[in-house]
N, C-alpha and C. Protein backbone atom coordinates (compact mmCIF):
# COMPACT_ATOMS: atom_id res chain seq x y z
N MET A 1 -1.37 -25.45 22.66
CA MET A 1 -1.37 -26.47 21.50
C MET A 1 -0.33 -25.98 20.49
N LYS A 2 0.48 -26.86 20.06
CA LYS A 2 1.60 -26.51 19.06
C LYS A 2 0.96 -26.14 17.69
N ASN A 3 1.70 -25.18 17.18
CA ASN A 3 1.15 -24.84 15.70
C ASN A 3 2.36 -25.14 14.85
N PRO A 4 2.28 -26.21 14.24
CA PRO A 4 3.40 -26.75 13.36
C PRO A 4 3.45 -25.99 12.06
N SER A 5 2.48 -25.23 11.65
CA SER A 5 2.53 -24.45 10.45
C SER A 5 3.36 -23.19 10.58
N ALA A 6 3.59 -22.76 11.80
CA ALA A 6 4.45 -21.51 12.06
C ALA A 6 5.83 -21.84 12.32
N ARG A 7 6.72 -21.38 11.46
CA ARG A 7 8.16 -21.64 11.47
C ARG A 7 8.83 -20.33 12.04
N ILE A 8 9.71 -20.56 13.01
CA ILE A 8 10.30 -19.43 13.68
C ILE A 8 11.83 -19.45 13.71
N ILE A 9 12.50 -18.37 13.49
CA ILE A 9 14.01 -18.25 13.64
C ILE A 9 14.13 -17.31 14.86
N VAL A 10 15.03 -17.70 15.73
CA VAL A 10 15.43 -16.91 16.91
C VAL A 10 16.78 -16.26 16.64
N ALA A 11 16.90 -14.93 16.64
CA ALA A 11 18.15 -14.33 16.36
C ALA A 11 18.54 -13.33 17.60
N ASP A 12 19.63 -13.83 18.31
CA ASP A 12 20.08 -13.02 19.43
C ASP A 12 21.54 -13.34 19.72
N ASP A 13 22.38 -12.39 19.93
CA ASP A 13 23.76 -12.78 20.14
C ASP A 13 24.20 -13.11 21.53
N HIS A 14 23.15 -13.28 22.42
CA HIS A 14 23.40 -13.76 23.78
C HIS A 14 22.95 -15.29 23.69
N ALA A 15 23.89 -16.26 23.63
CA ALA A 15 23.65 -17.58 23.29
C ALA A 15 22.70 -18.19 24.38
N MET A 16 22.90 -17.83 25.68
CA MET A 16 22.09 -18.47 26.66
C MET A 16 20.58 -17.91 26.54
N PHE A 17 20.43 -16.67 26.27
CA PHE A 17 19.12 -16.21 26.08
C PHE A 17 18.43 -16.74 24.87
N ALA A 18 19.21 -16.98 23.77
CA ALA A 18 18.72 -17.44 22.55
C ALA A 18 18.17 -18.90 22.72
N GLU A 19 19.06 -19.66 23.42
CA GLU A 19 18.70 -21.08 23.66
C GLU A 19 17.39 -21.22 24.67
N THR A 20 17.35 -20.31 25.51
CA THR A 20 16.10 -20.22 26.44
C THR A 20 14.93 -19.98 25.65
N LEU A 21 14.94 -19.13 24.66
CA LEU A 21 13.88 -18.78 23.78
C LEU A 21 13.49 -19.96 22.93
N ARG A 22 14.62 -20.63 22.39
CA ARG A 22 14.35 -21.79 21.54
C ARG A 22 13.59 -22.92 22.30
N ARG A 23 14.02 -23.18 23.48
CA ARG A 23 13.28 -24.18 24.23
C ARG A 23 11.80 -23.87 24.58
N PHE A 24 11.65 -22.66 24.88
CA PHE A 24 10.36 -22.18 25.32
C PHE A 24 9.41 -22.21 24.06
N LEU A 25 9.97 -21.59 22.94
CA LEU A 25 9.08 -21.49 21.75
C LEU A 25 8.77 -22.83 21.12
N SER A 26 9.70 -23.84 21.25
CA SER A 26 9.67 -25.12 20.70
C SER A 26 8.33 -25.86 21.13
N ALA A 27 7.88 -25.47 22.28
CA ALA A 27 6.63 -26.21 22.89
C ALA A 27 5.39 -25.71 21.98
N ASN A 28 5.52 -24.68 21.33
CA ASN A 28 4.36 -24.06 20.60
C ASN A 28 4.47 -24.08 19.13
N TYR A 29 5.77 -23.77 18.67
CA TYR A 29 6.04 -23.67 17.29
C TYR A 29 7.23 -24.49 16.88
N GLU A 30 7.47 -24.38 15.57
CA GLU A 30 8.65 -25.15 15.06
C GLU A 30 9.82 -24.10 14.84
N VAL A 31 10.67 -24.18 15.74
CA VAL A 31 11.92 -23.25 15.70
C VAL A 31 12.92 -23.95 14.82
N VAL A 32 13.13 -23.28 13.69
CA VAL A 32 13.93 -23.93 12.54
C VAL A 32 15.40 -23.49 12.48
N ALA A 33 15.63 -22.35 13.33
CA ALA A 33 17.13 -22.02 13.40
C ALA A 33 17.29 -21.00 14.67
N VAL A 34 18.50 -21.08 15.24
CA VAL A 34 18.87 -20.05 16.17
C VAL A 34 20.23 -19.48 15.64
N VAL A 35 20.23 -18.05 15.51
CA VAL A 35 21.45 -17.43 14.87
C VAL A 35 21.86 -16.39 15.88
N GLY A 36 23.18 -15.96 15.71
CA GLY A 36 23.77 -14.95 16.70
C GLY A 36 24.19 -13.64 16.05
N ASP A 37 23.93 -13.47 14.68
CA ASP A 37 24.26 -12.20 14.15
C ASP A 37 23.42 -11.89 12.90
N GLY A 38 23.44 -10.62 12.40
CA GLY A 38 22.61 -10.24 11.31
C GLY A 38 22.83 -10.96 10.00
N SER A 39 24.11 -11.25 9.72
CA SER A 39 24.44 -11.98 8.44
C SER A 39 23.92 -13.39 8.56
N ALA A 40 24.23 -14.09 9.66
CA ALA A 40 23.53 -15.47 9.73
C ALA A 40 22.00 -15.47 9.69
N LEU A 41 21.45 -14.39 10.23
CA LEU A 41 19.98 -14.36 10.02
C LEU A 41 19.57 -14.27 8.65
N CYS A 42 20.06 -13.38 7.90
CA CYS A 42 19.78 -13.23 6.53
C CYS A 42 19.89 -14.54 5.71
N ASP A 43 20.99 -15.24 6.04
CA ASP A 43 21.30 -16.48 5.34
C ASP A 43 20.26 -17.53 5.62
N ALA A 44 20.02 -17.68 6.97
CA ALA A 44 19.07 -18.67 7.39
C ALA A 44 17.59 -18.39 7.01
N ALA A 45 17.20 -17.19 6.94
CA ALA A 45 15.90 -16.82 6.44
C ALA A 45 15.66 -17.14 4.97
N ALA A 46 16.73 -16.87 4.22
CA ALA A 46 16.67 -17.18 2.79
C ALA A 46 16.49 -18.53 2.52
N LYS A 47 17.13 -19.49 3.36
CA LYS A 47 17.09 -20.84 3.18
C LYS A 47 15.78 -21.50 3.78
N LEU A 48 15.44 -20.99 4.92
CA LEU A 48 14.47 -21.71 5.64
C LEU A 48 13.02 -21.12 5.55
N LYS A 49 13.00 -19.93 5.07
CA LYS A 49 11.65 -19.26 4.74
C LYS A 49 10.80 -19.31 6.06
N PRO A 50 11.15 -18.70 7.15
CA PRO A 50 10.33 -18.70 8.38
C PRO A 50 9.11 -17.82 8.28
N ASP A 51 8.15 -18.04 9.10
CA ASP A 51 6.96 -17.14 9.23
C ASP A 51 7.27 -15.99 10.11
N VAL A 52 8.05 -16.25 11.28
CA VAL A 52 8.40 -15.23 12.14
C VAL A 52 9.83 -15.16 12.50
N VAL A 53 10.31 -14.04 12.70
CA VAL A 53 11.78 -13.94 13.18
C VAL A 53 11.74 -13.16 14.43
N VAL A 54 12.12 -13.84 15.53
CA VAL A 54 12.24 -13.15 16.88
C VAL A 54 13.66 -12.64 16.94
N VAL A 55 13.88 -11.32 16.96
CA VAL A 55 15.22 -10.74 16.75
C VAL A 55 15.52 -9.64 17.80
N ASP A 56 16.71 -9.64 18.18
CA ASP A 56 17.30 -8.57 19.14
C ASP A 56 17.93 -7.50 18.29
N VAL A 57 17.59 -6.26 18.32
CA VAL A 57 18.06 -5.18 17.43
C VAL A 57 19.57 -4.91 17.73
N GLY A 58 20.07 -5.40 18.85
CA GLY A 58 21.39 -5.12 19.25
C GLY A 58 22.41 -5.99 18.66
N MET A 59 22.11 -6.93 17.76
CA MET A 59 22.99 -7.81 17.28
C MET A 59 23.93 -7.01 16.24
N THR A 60 24.96 -7.73 15.78
CA THR A 60 25.94 -7.08 14.91
C THR A 60 26.01 -7.82 13.50
N LEU A 61 26.69 -7.17 12.55
CA LEU A 61 27.12 -7.76 11.32
C LEU A 61 25.83 -8.21 10.37
N PRO A 62 25.01 -7.40 9.99
CA PRO A 62 24.72 -6.07 10.56
C PRO A 62 23.87 -6.19 11.78
N ASP A 63 23.35 -5.07 12.32
CA ASP A 63 22.54 -5.06 13.53
C ASP A 63 21.23 -5.55 13.17
N GLY A 64 20.43 -5.95 14.25
CA GLY A 64 19.26 -6.62 14.06
C GLY A 64 18.16 -5.79 13.22
N LEU A 65 18.14 -4.52 13.40
CA LEU A 65 17.27 -3.68 12.69
C LEU A 65 17.51 -3.70 11.08
N ASN A 66 18.79 -3.51 10.83
CA ASN A 66 19.19 -3.49 9.38
C ASN A 66 18.94 -4.89 8.73
N ALA A 67 19.23 -5.96 9.56
CA ALA A 67 18.91 -7.26 9.01
C ALA A 67 17.50 -7.56 8.86
N GLY A 68 16.73 -7.02 9.68
CA GLY A 68 15.30 -7.10 9.73
C GLY A 68 14.64 -6.39 8.52
N CYS A 69 15.18 -5.13 8.29
CA CYS A 69 14.82 -4.37 7.05
C CYS A 69 15.13 -5.12 5.82
N GLU A 70 16.25 -5.70 5.70
CA GLU A 70 16.69 -6.42 4.47
C GLU A 70 15.74 -7.58 4.28
N LEU A 71 15.38 -8.31 5.41
CA LEU A 71 14.42 -9.44 5.30
C LEU A 71 13.11 -9.03 4.80
N LYS A 72 12.62 -7.82 5.31
CA LYS A 72 11.23 -7.33 4.85
C LYS A 72 11.28 -7.01 3.41
N LYS A 73 12.39 -6.49 2.94
CA LYS A 73 12.44 -6.15 1.45
C LYS A 73 12.36 -7.47 0.62
N ARG A 74 13.25 -8.48 1.14
CA ARG A 74 13.22 -9.73 0.36
C ARG A 74 12.10 -10.64 0.50
N PHE A 75 11.66 -10.60 1.82
CA PHE A 75 10.52 -11.54 2.08
C PHE A 75 9.56 -10.84 2.96
N PRO A 76 8.63 -10.02 2.28
CA PRO A 76 7.73 -9.11 2.91
C PRO A 76 6.75 -9.70 3.88
N LEU A 77 6.43 -11.07 3.66
CA LEU A 77 5.56 -11.74 4.61
C LEU A 77 6.08 -12.23 5.91
N ILE A 78 7.42 -12.15 5.99
CA ILE A 78 8.01 -12.52 7.30
C ILE A 78 7.62 -11.55 8.31
N LYS A 79 7.20 -11.97 9.46
CA LYS A 79 6.92 -11.15 10.64
C LYS A 79 8.05 -10.93 11.57
N LEU A 80 8.37 -9.76 11.92
CA LEU A 80 9.39 -9.39 12.78
C LEU A 80 8.96 -9.14 14.25
N VAL A 81 9.44 -9.93 15.07
CA VAL A 81 9.04 -9.71 16.56
C VAL A 81 10.37 -9.29 17.22
N VAL A 82 10.48 -7.96 17.62
CA VAL A 82 11.69 -7.59 18.20
C VAL A 82 11.67 -7.68 19.76
N VAL A 83 12.62 -8.22 20.30
CA VAL A 83 12.81 -8.38 21.74
C VAL A 83 14.12 -7.71 22.09
N THR A 84 14.13 -6.68 22.93
CA THR A 84 15.29 -5.95 23.28
C THR A 84 15.36 -5.45 24.71
N GLN A 85 16.42 -5.18 25.23
CA GLN A 85 16.57 -4.50 26.51
C GLN A 85 16.30 -3.09 26.63
N HIS A 86 16.21 -2.42 25.35
CA HIS A 86 16.14 -1.08 25.33
C HIS A 86 14.63 -0.59 25.39
N ARG A 87 14.39 0.47 26.14
CA ARG A 87 13.01 0.89 26.27
C ARG A 87 12.62 2.23 25.68
N GLU A 88 13.63 2.80 24.96
CA GLU A 88 13.44 4.15 24.40
C GLU A 88 12.22 4.04 23.37
N PRO A 89 11.23 4.92 23.42
CA PRO A 89 10.25 5.06 22.44
C PRO A 89 10.68 5.28 21.13
N SER A 90 11.82 6.09 20.95
CA SER A 90 12.26 6.35 19.59
C SER A 90 12.83 5.21 18.90
N MET A 91 13.36 4.23 19.73
CA MET A 91 13.82 2.97 19.16
C MET A 91 12.62 2.12 18.59
N ALA A 92 11.57 2.04 19.35
CA ALA A 92 10.35 1.40 18.91
C ALA A 92 9.83 1.96 17.69
N VAL A 93 9.81 3.31 17.69
CA VAL A 93 9.31 3.93 16.49
C VAL A 93 10.12 3.47 15.28
N GLU A 94 11.45 3.56 15.39
CA GLU A 94 12.32 3.16 14.30
C GLU A 94 12.01 1.63 13.90
N VAL A 95 11.80 0.80 14.84
CA VAL A 95 11.51 -0.56 14.58
C VAL A 95 10.24 -0.83 13.75
N PHE A 96 9.19 -0.09 14.22
CA PHE A 96 7.91 -0.25 13.44
C PHE A 96 7.96 0.41 12.15
N ARG A 97 8.64 1.49 11.94
CA ARG A 97 8.67 2.10 10.66
C ARG A 97 9.52 1.34 9.61
N SER A 98 10.29 0.28 10.24
CA SER A 98 11.12 -0.62 9.48
C SER A 98 10.38 -1.83 9.06
N GLY A 99 9.22 -1.93 9.57
CA GLY A 99 8.29 -3.10 9.08
C GLY A 99 8.12 -4.15 10.22
N ALA A 100 8.43 -3.98 11.49
CA ALA A 100 8.28 -4.88 12.49
C ALA A 100 6.86 -5.04 12.82
N SER A 101 6.50 -6.20 13.50
CA SER A 101 5.07 -6.38 13.98
C SER A 101 4.90 -6.29 15.44
N ALA A 102 5.98 -6.44 16.17
CA ALA A 102 5.88 -6.40 17.67
C ALA A 102 7.19 -5.87 18.18
N PHE A 103 7.18 -5.24 19.35
CA PHE A 103 8.27 -4.69 20.16
C PHE A 103 8.06 -5.06 21.59
N LEU A 104 8.91 -5.85 22.08
CA LEU A 104 8.97 -6.29 23.52
C LEU A 104 10.24 -5.87 24.14
N VAL A 105 10.15 -5.50 25.41
CA VAL A 105 11.34 -5.36 26.19
C VAL A 105 11.65 -6.73 26.84
N LYS A 106 12.98 -7.01 27.09
CA LYS A 106 13.40 -8.29 27.60
C LYS A 106 12.91 -8.68 29.05
N SER A 107 12.37 -7.66 29.70
CA SER A 107 11.71 -7.91 31.05
C SER A 107 10.28 -8.41 30.89
N SER A 108 9.87 -8.47 29.65
CA SER A 108 8.42 -8.95 29.49
C SER A 108 8.47 -10.42 29.84
N THR A 109 7.24 -10.95 30.20
CA THR A 109 6.96 -12.33 30.53
C THR A 109 7.07 -13.21 29.31
N ALA A 110 7.25 -14.53 29.46
CA ALA A 110 7.37 -15.49 28.36
C ALA A 110 5.97 -15.55 27.66
N THR A 111 4.84 -15.51 28.42
CA THR A 111 3.59 -15.47 27.77
C THR A 111 3.34 -14.32 26.93
N GLU A 112 3.93 -13.24 27.28
CA GLU A 112 3.72 -11.95 26.51
C GLU A 112 4.35 -12.15 25.09
N LEU A 113 5.45 -12.91 25.08
CA LEU A 113 6.10 -13.19 23.79
C LEU A 113 5.12 -13.96 22.90
N LEU A 114 4.55 -15.04 23.52
CA LEU A 114 3.58 -15.87 22.69
C LEU A 114 2.43 -15.03 22.29
N THR A 115 2.02 -14.13 23.03
CA THR A 115 0.86 -13.19 22.66
C THR A 115 1.29 -12.27 21.46
N ALA A 116 2.64 -11.81 21.51
CA ALA A 116 3.05 -10.99 20.41
C ALA A 116 3.29 -11.76 19.14
N ILE A 117 3.75 -13.07 19.16
CA ILE A 117 3.81 -13.80 18.04
C ILE A 117 2.51 -14.09 17.45
N ARG A 118 1.52 -14.47 18.28
CA ARG A 118 0.16 -14.71 17.78
C ARG A 118 -0.41 -13.56 17.07
N ALA A 119 -0.17 -12.37 17.70
CA ALA A 119 -0.64 -11.09 17.06
C ALA A 119 0.00 -10.74 15.69
N ALA A 120 1.35 -11.08 15.62
CA ALA A 120 2.10 -10.90 14.37
C ALA A 120 1.55 -11.78 13.26
N LEU A 121 1.26 -13.09 13.68
CA LEU A 121 0.77 -14.08 12.63
C LEU A 121 -0.58 -13.64 12.10
N LYS A 122 -1.38 -12.84 12.89
CA LYS A 122 -2.65 -12.38 12.46
C LYS A 122 -2.59 -10.99 11.82
N ASP A 123 -1.24 -10.54 11.53
CA ASP A 123 -1.10 -9.26 10.87
C ASP A 123 -1.48 -8.10 11.81
N HIS A 124 -1.38 -8.26 13.07
CA HIS A 124 -1.65 -7.20 14.13
C HIS A 124 -0.31 -6.72 14.59
N ILE A 125 -0.39 -5.49 15.28
CA ILE A 125 0.87 -4.86 15.91
C ILE A 125 0.81 -5.14 17.40
N TYR A 126 1.90 -5.42 17.98
CA TYR A 126 1.97 -5.63 19.46
C TYR A 126 3.02 -4.82 20.12
N ILE A 127 2.79 -4.17 21.10
CA ILE A 127 3.89 -3.29 21.91
C ILE A 127 3.69 -3.76 23.39
N SER A 128 4.82 -3.90 24.01
CA SER A 128 4.85 -4.18 25.39
C SER A 128 4.00 -3.16 26.12
N PRO A 129 3.00 -3.69 26.96
CA PRO A 129 2.15 -2.71 27.69
C PRO A 129 2.88 -1.73 28.57
N SER A 130 4.06 -2.08 29.09
CA SER A 130 4.87 -1.32 29.95
C SER A 130 5.35 -0.06 29.34
N ILE A 131 5.51 -0.02 28.06
CA ILE A 131 5.95 1.22 27.28
C ILE A 131 4.95 1.58 26.23
N GLY A 132 3.80 0.89 26.17
CA GLY A 132 2.88 1.13 25.07
C GLY A 132 2.47 2.63 24.85
N LYS A 133 2.09 3.30 25.99
CA LYS A 133 1.69 4.63 25.89
C LYS A 133 2.68 5.59 25.32
N GLU A 134 3.93 5.41 25.79
CA GLU A 134 5.00 6.35 25.30
C GLU A 134 5.29 6.09 23.85
N VAL A 135 5.27 4.75 23.40
CA VAL A 135 5.55 4.53 22.05
C VAL A 135 4.48 5.02 21.15
N MET A 136 3.20 4.85 21.59
CA MET A 136 2.08 5.36 20.74
C MET A 136 2.17 6.90 20.59
N ARG A 137 2.59 7.51 21.70
CA ARG A 137 2.73 9.04 21.58
C ARG A 137 3.76 9.36 20.52
N ALA A 138 4.91 8.58 20.61
CA ALA A 138 6.04 8.94 19.71
C ALA A 138 5.56 8.53 18.28
N LEU A 139 4.86 7.45 18.08
CA LEU A 139 4.37 7.03 16.67
C LEU A 139 3.51 8.13 16.13
N LEU A 140 2.60 8.74 16.91
CA LEU A 140 1.69 9.64 16.42
C LEU A 140 2.20 11.15 16.44
N GLU A 141 3.36 11.36 16.99
CA GLU A 141 3.92 12.66 16.98
C GLU A 141 4.30 13.03 15.49
N PRO A 142 3.86 14.26 15.00
CA PRO A 142 4.20 14.72 13.70
C PRO A 142 5.78 14.73 13.51
N ARG A 143 6.19 14.37 12.44
CA ARG A 143 7.70 14.36 12.11
C ARG A 143 8.14 15.88 11.80
N LYS A 144 8.46 16.54 12.91
CA LYS A 144 8.83 18.01 12.70
C LYS A 144 10.30 18.23 12.37
N ARG A 145 11.08 17.25 12.74
CA ARG A 145 12.48 17.50 12.63
C ARG A 145 13.05 17.04 11.37
N LYS A 146 13.36 17.92 10.44
CA LYS A 146 13.84 17.61 9.13
C LYS A 146 15.24 17.94 8.89
N VAL A 147 15.98 16.97 8.35
CA VAL A 147 17.40 17.34 7.94
C VAL A 147 17.60 16.91 6.51
N GLY A 148 17.88 18.08 5.78
CA GLY A 148 17.83 17.80 4.27
C GLY A 148 16.49 17.36 3.83
N GLU A 149 16.52 16.24 3.09
CA GLU A 149 15.25 15.76 2.50
C GLU A 149 14.90 14.45 3.34
N ARG A 150 15.56 14.21 4.45
CA ARG A 150 15.29 12.95 5.16
C ARG A 150 14.99 13.26 6.61
N TRP A 151 14.43 12.31 7.40
CA TRP A 151 14.02 12.52 8.66
C TRP A 151 14.82 11.88 9.71
N LEU A 152 15.13 12.56 10.78
CA LEU A 152 15.78 11.95 11.98
C LEU A 152 14.99 12.12 13.24
N THR A 153 15.08 11.20 14.18
CA THR A 153 14.48 11.34 15.46
C THR A 153 15.40 12.33 16.20
N SER A 154 14.76 12.86 17.35
CA SER A 154 15.63 13.82 18.19
C SER A 154 16.83 13.10 18.76
N ARG A 155 16.63 11.84 19.12
CA ARG A 155 17.84 11.08 19.69
C ARG A 155 18.87 10.87 18.64
N GLN A 156 18.43 10.53 17.40
CA GLN A 156 19.41 10.37 16.36
C GLN A 156 20.20 11.70 16.09
N ARG A 157 19.46 12.86 16.13
CA ARG A 157 20.19 14.09 15.91
C ARG A 157 21.26 14.38 17.03
N GLU A 158 20.87 14.02 18.23
CA GLU A 158 21.82 14.19 19.43
C GLU A 158 23.02 13.33 19.24
N VAL A 159 22.91 12.09 18.77
CA VAL A 159 23.99 11.10 18.67
C VAL A 159 24.89 11.61 17.43
N LEU A 160 24.19 12.04 16.29
CA LEU A 160 25.05 12.54 15.29
C LEU A 160 25.81 13.78 15.56
N ARG A 161 25.22 14.64 16.34
CA ARG A 161 25.83 15.94 16.72
C ARG A 161 27.13 15.63 17.55
N LEU A 162 26.96 14.64 18.57
CA LEU A 162 28.05 14.39 19.40
C LEU A 162 29.15 13.59 18.67
N LEU A 163 28.77 12.76 17.70
CA LEU A 163 29.76 12.04 16.84
C LEU A 163 30.50 13.19 16.05
N ALA A 164 29.73 14.07 15.52
CA ALA A 164 30.37 15.04 14.67
C ALA A 164 31.33 15.96 15.45
N GLU A 165 31.11 16.12 16.79
CA GLU A 165 31.94 16.91 17.62
C GLU A 165 33.19 16.14 18.12
N GLY A 166 33.26 14.85 17.65
CA GLY A 166 34.44 14.08 17.96
C GLY A 166 34.26 13.20 19.20
N LYS A 167 33.11 13.05 19.77
CA LYS A 167 32.97 12.28 20.90
C LYS A 167 32.96 10.79 20.54
N SER A 168 33.51 9.93 21.49
CA SER A 168 33.56 8.44 21.33
C SER A 168 32.07 7.91 21.62
N MET A 169 31.91 6.65 21.29
CA MET A 169 30.66 5.95 21.67
C MET A 169 30.42 5.94 23.11
N LYS A 170 31.64 5.68 23.86
CA LYS A 170 31.47 5.64 25.41
C LYS A 170 31.12 7.03 25.95
N MET A 171 31.74 8.06 25.40
CA MET A 171 31.45 9.42 25.90
C MET A 171 30.08 9.82 25.54
N ILE A 172 29.52 9.42 24.38
CA ILE A 172 28.11 9.79 24.07
C ILE A 172 27.22 9.08 25.00
N ALA A 173 27.43 7.74 25.28
CA ALA A 173 26.64 6.99 26.12
C ALA A 173 26.56 7.66 27.48
N GLU A 174 27.64 8.13 28.06
CA GLU A 174 27.74 8.74 29.33
C GLU A 174 27.02 10.10 29.31
N THR A 175 27.23 10.86 28.20
CA THR A 175 26.52 12.17 28.10
C THR A 175 24.95 12.00 28.05
N LEU A 176 24.53 11.02 27.32
CA LEU A 176 22.99 10.91 27.16
C LEU A 176 22.48 9.86 28.12
N GLN A 177 23.26 9.23 28.90
CA GLN A 177 22.88 8.31 29.99
C GLN A 177 22.14 7.13 29.28
N ILE A 178 22.74 6.60 28.32
CA ILE A 178 22.27 5.39 27.64
C ILE A 178 23.36 4.44 27.45
N SER A 179 23.14 3.25 27.06
CA SER A 179 24.16 2.27 26.92
C SER A 179 24.88 2.52 25.50
N ALA A 180 26.18 2.06 25.37
CA ALA A 180 26.93 2.12 24.20
C ALA A 180 26.23 1.42 23.02
N ARG A 181 25.51 0.31 23.28
CA ARG A 181 24.82 -0.37 22.24
C ARG A 181 23.67 0.37 21.81
N THR A 182 23.05 1.18 22.63
CA THR A 182 21.98 2.04 22.20
C THR A 182 22.48 3.24 21.32
N VAL A 183 23.59 3.70 21.78
CA VAL A 183 24.31 4.78 20.92
C VAL A 183 24.49 4.20 19.50
N GLN A 184 25.18 2.96 19.36
CA GLN A 184 25.38 2.39 18.18
C GLN A 184 24.17 2.07 17.40
N PHE A 185 23.12 1.70 18.02
CA PHE A 185 21.82 1.53 17.22
C PHE A 185 21.44 2.82 16.56
N HIS A 186 21.33 3.90 17.41
CA HIS A 186 20.92 5.22 16.83
C HIS A 186 21.86 5.74 15.66
N LYS A 187 23.16 5.47 15.85
CA LYS A 187 24.10 5.91 14.84
C LYS A 187 23.84 5.24 13.57
N TYR A 188 23.71 3.89 13.50
CA TYR A 188 23.57 3.18 12.27
C TYR A 188 22.17 3.42 11.68
N ALA A 189 21.18 3.63 12.54
CA ALA A 189 19.85 3.92 11.91
C ALA A 189 19.87 5.30 11.29
N ALA A 190 20.53 6.28 11.97
CA ALA A 190 20.73 7.57 11.31
C ALA A 190 21.48 7.60 9.97
N MET A 191 22.62 6.80 10.07
CA MET A 191 23.43 6.69 8.90
C MET A 191 22.71 6.18 7.75
N LYS A 192 21.79 5.11 7.96
CA LYS A 192 21.13 4.55 6.97
C LYS A 192 20.09 5.54 6.40
N THR A 193 19.36 6.22 7.31
CA THR A 193 18.50 7.22 6.85
C THR A 193 19.11 8.31 5.95
N LEU A 194 20.24 8.79 6.34
CA LEU A 194 20.91 9.86 5.70
C LEU A 194 21.78 9.23 4.45
N GLN A 195 21.98 7.95 4.45
CA GLN A 195 22.79 7.36 3.33
C GLN A 195 24.17 7.84 3.36
N VAL A 196 24.68 7.85 4.56
CA VAL A 196 26.16 8.08 4.76
C VAL A 196 26.81 6.84 5.30
N LYS A 197 28.12 6.81 5.01
CA LYS A 197 28.80 5.50 5.45
C LYS A 197 30.00 5.74 6.36
N THR A 198 30.50 6.88 6.54
CA THR A 198 31.70 7.13 7.37
C THR A 198 31.38 8.27 8.33
N ASN A 199 32.38 8.32 9.38
CA ASN A 199 32.22 9.49 10.28
C ASN A 199 32.55 10.84 9.62
N ALA A 200 33.46 10.73 8.57
CA ALA A 200 33.71 12.09 7.98
C ALA A 200 32.49 12.54 7.21
N GLU A 201 31.74 11.67 6.64
CA GLU A 201 30.44 12.05 5.96
C GLU A 201 29.46 12.53 7.08
N ILE A 202 29.50 11.99 8.18
CA ILE A 202 28.59 12.46 9.30
C ILE A 202 28.90 13.93 9.62
N VAL A 203 30.25 14.17 9.85
CA VAL A 203 30.64 15.55 10.10
C VAL A 203 30.19 16.49 9.10
N ARG A 204 30.48 16.14 7.82
CA ARG A 204 30.12 16.99 6.71
C ARG A 204 28.65 17.24 6.66
N TYR A 205 27.88 16.29 6.79
CA TYR A 205 26.37 16.42 6.83
C TYR A 205 25.89 17.28 8.00
N ALA A 206 26.53 17.02 9.15
CA ALA A 206 26.05 17.79 10.37
C ALA A 206 26.34 19.33 10.21
N ILE A 207 27.50 19.66 9.66
CA ILE A 207 27.90 21.06 9.43
C ILE A 207 26.93 21.61 8.28
N THR A 208 26.78 20.94 7.29
CA THR A 208 26.06 21.44 6.13
C THR A 208 24.59 21.78 6.47
N HIS A 209 24.00 20.82 7.35
CA HIS A 209 22.58 20.95 7.70
C HIS A 209 22.26 21.51 9.10
N GLY A 210 23.35 22.11 9.64
CA GLY A 210 23.08 22.94 10.91
C GLY A 210 23.00 22.13 12.18
N ILE A 211 23.33 20.76 12.07
CA ILE A 211 23.29 20.03 13.39
C ILE A 211 24.49 20.50 14.38
N ILE A 212 25.62 20.84 13.80
CA ILE A 212 26.68 21.53 14.45
C ILE A 212 27.14 22.72 13.59
N THR A 213 27.84 23.69 14.07
CA THR A 213 28.45 24.72 13.36
C THR A 213 29.93 24.54 13.21
N ASP A 214 30.44 24.88 12.09
CA ASP A 214 31.94 24.77 11.79
C ASP A 214 32.66 25.72 12.62
């Protein structure tokens, strides 16, 4: 049964996937916009006041995570349902600590997305069962790794170390056996945590705090 009271924005930079989501979700909810980058998402959310945003963290300008964080600050009642190809527990942890209500991998079924949206609307948390145990372990793990006065995940530390050593995004992806987009996600999440804006600042911070040695 359609729920006309729930308004949804779909945010994904893969147009075909976004359109597929729009058509599927329109049978149950009011899809008020489909956008392809973080800036358009923030603009659309400010104008349309959705209840739920279904977002891919891999978007750009800014990325989906930073756009989602900004939305939660401005509109705390908006529910963020993250749908991504990435399965790393550390990414899911970052997503939930940024205020998301659900984390699904893109290999999830369509009905699972509906389940996640319903959970979010009820103020519940939803994690794809295929990675649920790993994510819960990561969420419950004590934050032991401290850099300065701010916290980084182990993957963020690895990415920053390699960046500080002069490695390119492609080289880091090959070294860590992850995609370049995943490297980009961890880089910008770490930069946001550390409040640095340039690669030069990353190098300086890495040397100062022992991530690499001079």
